[in-house]
Structure formats: C-alpha cells, structure tokens
C-alpha cells in the first residue's frame, strides 16, 4: 500500500463479519461499498466499510 492510504475493513451487511481488507485514501470523505462474496453466507452480498 502507498503512504497516503490506510487499511479499511469491509464487513458483510447480512452477517456483519469482516471478510476483506482494502486501502483507502487518508482524507477521503466517502464510504466504500462493494458487492463481494461472503464465505459465511455463501452468496454475493454488499460489503460496507467498517472501523478497525
């Protein structure tokens, strides 16, 4: 990861498990929201950014 990025967890909206980590700009105002595969739900669900 680059110097101007920070780690962010992506949590499943269905089961609330934190499955993924990704990078995000330090001063970004937006929240990351992506559709990813959740191995606990065994389906593709929306994952939203959560605090560390």
C-alpha atoms as a PDB file:
ATOM      1  CA  UNK A   1       0.000   0.000   0.000  1.00  0.00           C
ATOM      2  CA  UNK A   2       1.097   3.537  -0.639  1.00  0.00           C
ATOM      3  CA  UNK A   3       1.958   6.061   2.067  1.00  0.00           C
ATOM      4  CA  UNK A   4      -1.205   8.102   1.586  1.00  0.00           C
ATOM      5  CA  UNK A   5      -3.542   5.157   2.093  1.00  0.00           C
ATOM      6  CA  UNK A   6      -4.897   3.443   5.185  1.00  0.00           C
ATOM      7  CA  UNK A   7      -6.301  -0.023   5.876  1.00  0.00           C
ATOM      8  CA  UNK A   8     -10.077  -0.426   5.850  1.00  0.00           C
ATOM      9  CA  UNK A   9     -12.210  -3.468   6.701  1.00  0.00           C
ATOM     10  CA  UNK A  10     -15.182  -4.447   4.555  1.00  0.00           C
ATOM     11  CA  UNK A  11     -17.993  -6.122   6.503  1.00  0.00           C
ATOM     12  CA  UNK A  12     -20.913  -8.115   5.135  1.00  0.00           C
ATOM     13  CA  UNK A  13     -24.258  -6.364   5.573  1.00  0.00           C
ATOM     14  CA  UNK A  14     -26.075  -9.685   6.142  1.00  0.00           C
ATOM     15  CA  UNK A  15     -23.954 -11.400   8.801  1.00  0.00           C
ATOM     16  CA  UNK A  16     -21.683  -8.459   9.858  1.00  0.00           C
ATOM     17  CA  UNK A  17     -18.465 -10.498   9.522  1.00  0.00           C
ATOM     18  CA  UNK A  18     -15.389  -8.588   8.417  1.00  0.00           C
ATOM     19  CA  UNK A  19     -14.163 -10.554   5.407  1.00  0.00           C
ATOM     20  CA  UNK A  20     -11.961  -8.207   3.382  1.00  0.00           C
ATOM     21  CA  UNK A  21      -9.336  -5.513   3.850  1.00  0.00           C
ATOM     22  CA  UNK A  22      -8.503  -2.861   1.313  1.00  0.00           C
ATOM     23  CA  UNK A  23      -6.791   0.502   1.007  1.00  0.00           C
ATOM     24  CA  UNK A  24      -8.388   3.925   1.026  1.00  0.00           C
ATOM     25  CA  UNK A  25      -7.023   7.449   0.740  1.00  0.00           C
ATOM     26  CA  UNK A  26      -6.318   9.129   4.093  1.00  0.00           C
ATOM     27  CA  UNK A  27      -8.544  12.184   3.600  1.00  0.00           C
ATOM     28  CA  UNK A  28     -11.371  10.538   1.652  1.00  0.00           C
ATOM     29  CA  UNK A  29     -14.867  11.592   2.714  1.00  0.00           C
ATOM     30  CA  UNK A  30     -16.754   8.679   1.130  1.00  0.00           C
ATOM     31  CA  UNK A  31     -17.507   5.195   2.492  1.00  0.00           C
ATOM     32  CA  UNK A  32     -16.537   2.174   0.414  1.00  0.00           C
ATOM     33  CA  UNK A  33     -19.365  -0.170  -0.596  1.00  0.00           C
ATOM     34  CA  UNK A  34     -18.762  -3.185  -2.846  1.00  0.00           C
ATOM     35  CA  UNK A  35     -20.561  -6.374  -3.780  1.00  0.00           C
ATOM     36  CA  UNK A  36     -18.304  -9.285  -2.764  1.00  0.00           C
ATOM     37  CA  UNK A  37     -18.581 -12.979  -1.952  1.00  0.00           C
ATOM     38  CA  UNK A  38     -19.179 -13.771   1.739  1.00  0.00           C
ATOM     39  CA  UNK A  39     -17.907 -17.211   2.682  1.00  0.00           C
ATOM     40  CA  UNK A  40     -20.099 -17.305   5.785  1.00  0.00           C
ATOM     41  CA  UNK A  41     -23.357 -16.516   3.929  1.00  0.00           C
ATOM     42  CA  UNK A  42     -22.120 -18.423   0.847  1.00  0.00           C
ATOM     43  CA  UNK A  43     -23.505 -15.781  -1.505  1.00  0.00           C
ATOM     44  CA  UNK A  44     -22.608 -12.434  -3.039  1.00  0.00           C
ATOM     45  CA  UNK A  45     -23.672  -9.617  -0.728  1.00  0.00           C
ATOM     46  CA  UNK A  46     -22.953  -5.932  -0.297  1.00  0.00           C
ATOM     47  CA  UNK A  47     -19.928  -5.241   1.906  1.00  0.00           C
ATOM     48  CA  UNK A  48     -19.583  -1.828   3.565  1.00  0.00           C
ATOM     49  CA  UNK A  49     -16.631  -0.129   5.187  1.00  0.00           C
ATOM     50  CA  UNK A  50     -16.327  -0.573   8.952  1.00  0.00           C
ATOM     51  CA  UNK A  51     -13.979   0.819  11.582  1.00  0.00           C
ATOM     52  CA  UNK A  52     -10.830  -1.049  12.608  1.00  0.00           C
END
